[in-house]
Protein backbone atom coordinates (compact mmCIF):
# COMPACT_ATOMS: atom_id res chain seq x y z
CA MET A 1 -10.20 -18.29 -7.06
CA THR A 2 -12.99 -15.79 -7.33
CA ASP A 3 -14.35 -14.10 -10.12
CA MET A 4 -11.37 -11.78 -10.12
CA GLN A 5 -8.65 -12.81 -12.56
CA THR A 6 -5.27 -13.12 -10.87
CA ARG A 7 -3.16 -9.66 -11.91
CA LEU A 8 0.51 -9.04 -10.70
CA ILE A 9 1.29 -5.35 -10.86
CA ASP A 10 4.40 -3.68 -10.06
CA ARG A 11 5.41 -0.82 -7.62
CA LYS A 12 5.15 1.81 -10.09
CA THR A 13 1.25 0.57 -11.36
CA LEU A 14 0.82 -0.04 -7.38
CA GLY A 15 1.73 3.79 -6.69
CA GLU A 16 -0.35 4.99 -9.88
CA MET A 17 -3.45 2.81 -8.61
CA HIS A 18 -3.38 3.56 -4.89
CA PRO A 19 -1.60 7.72 -4.58
CA ALA A 20 -1.25 6.44 -0.72
CA LEU A 21 1.36 3.45 -1.76
CA LYS A 22 3.30 5.90 -4.03
CA SER A 23 6.13 6.18 -2.16
CA LYS A 24 9.25 3.72 -2.69
CA TRP A 25 10.22 4.61 1.03
CA ARG A 26 6.81 3.82 2.65
CA VAL A 27 6.14 0.39 0.28
CA ASP A 28 9.59 -1.01 1.43
CA TYR A 29 8.76 -0.21 4.96
CA LEU A 30 5.51 -2.15 4.73
CA ILE A 31 7.20 -5.25 2.70
CA ARG A 32 10.19 -5.19 5.30
CA MET A 33 7.29 -5.40 8.35
CA ARG A 34 5.52 -8.02 6.39
CA ARG A 35 2.20 -5.80 6.48
CA LEU A 36 1.58 -5.64 2.81
CA PRO A 37 1.07 -8.50 0.64
CA PHE A 38 3.51 -9.06 -2.02
CA LEU A 39 5.43 -11.72 -4.21
CA LYS A 40 9.14 -11.91 -4.97
CA LEU A 41 10.20 -13.15 -7.98
CA GLY A 42 13.85 -13.06 -8.29
CA LYS A 43 15.02 -9.72 -7.41
CA ASN A 44 11.48 -8.27 -8.43
CA ILE A 45 8.79 -7.39 -6.31
CA TYR A 46 5.29 -7.66 -7.61
CA PHE A 47 1.62 -7.56 -6.04
CA ASN A 48 -1.34 -9.24 -6.31
CA GLU A 49 -4.06 -6.73 -7.40
CA ALA A 50 -7.35 -8.48 -5.70
CA SER A 51 -4.88 -9.11 -2.64
CA ILE A 52 -4.03 -5.22 -2.19
CA ALA A 53 -7.46 -4.16 -2.43
CA LYS A 54 -8.61 -6.52 0.10
CA TRP A 55 -5.66 -5.28 2.20
CA ILE A 56 -6.65 -1.97 1.57
CA GLU A 57 -10.17 -2.20 2.71
CA GLU A 58 -8.92 -4.03 5.99
CA ASN A 59 -6.81 -0.71 6.38
CA GLU A 60 -8.78 1.75 5.24
CA HIS A 61 -8.68 4.03 8.61
CA LYS A 62 -4.90 3.68 8.53
CA LEU A 63 -4.54 4.76 4.81
CA GLN A 64 -6.36 7.70 5.23
CA ASP A 65 -4.02 8.73 8.06
CA VAL A 66 -0.75 9.13 5.72
CA GLY A 67 -0.89 12.35 4.33
CA GLY A 68 -1.47 14.20 7.83
CA ASP A 69 -4.23 15.90 9.15
CA ASP A 70 -5.07 19.01 10.55
CA ASP A 71 -5.43 18.00 13.90
CA SER A 72 -1.49 16.76 13.95
CA ALA A 73 -0.45 20.07 12.72
CA LYS A 74 -2.61 21.58 15.50
CA ARG A 75 -0.54 19.45 18.36
CA LYS A 76 2.58 20.35 16.63
CA ALA A 77 1.73 23.93 17.34
CA ARG A 78 0.86 23.64 20.82
């Protein structure tokens, strides 16, 4: 293991730390598609903070497009 200590966070904390992942529906979709690293303990779902940080770095360009951009509004107007 690296210097970072393993810290498990829940959905609410994940949303507070990373606003692009605040939507329950978006997180559920990413979990269902196995795109977001998670740990399931019984019925509860947790996220390893270090794994999430690494996942965000690897998918940063995708997360920037989450909120929609001006180009998408322009395309819809055409």
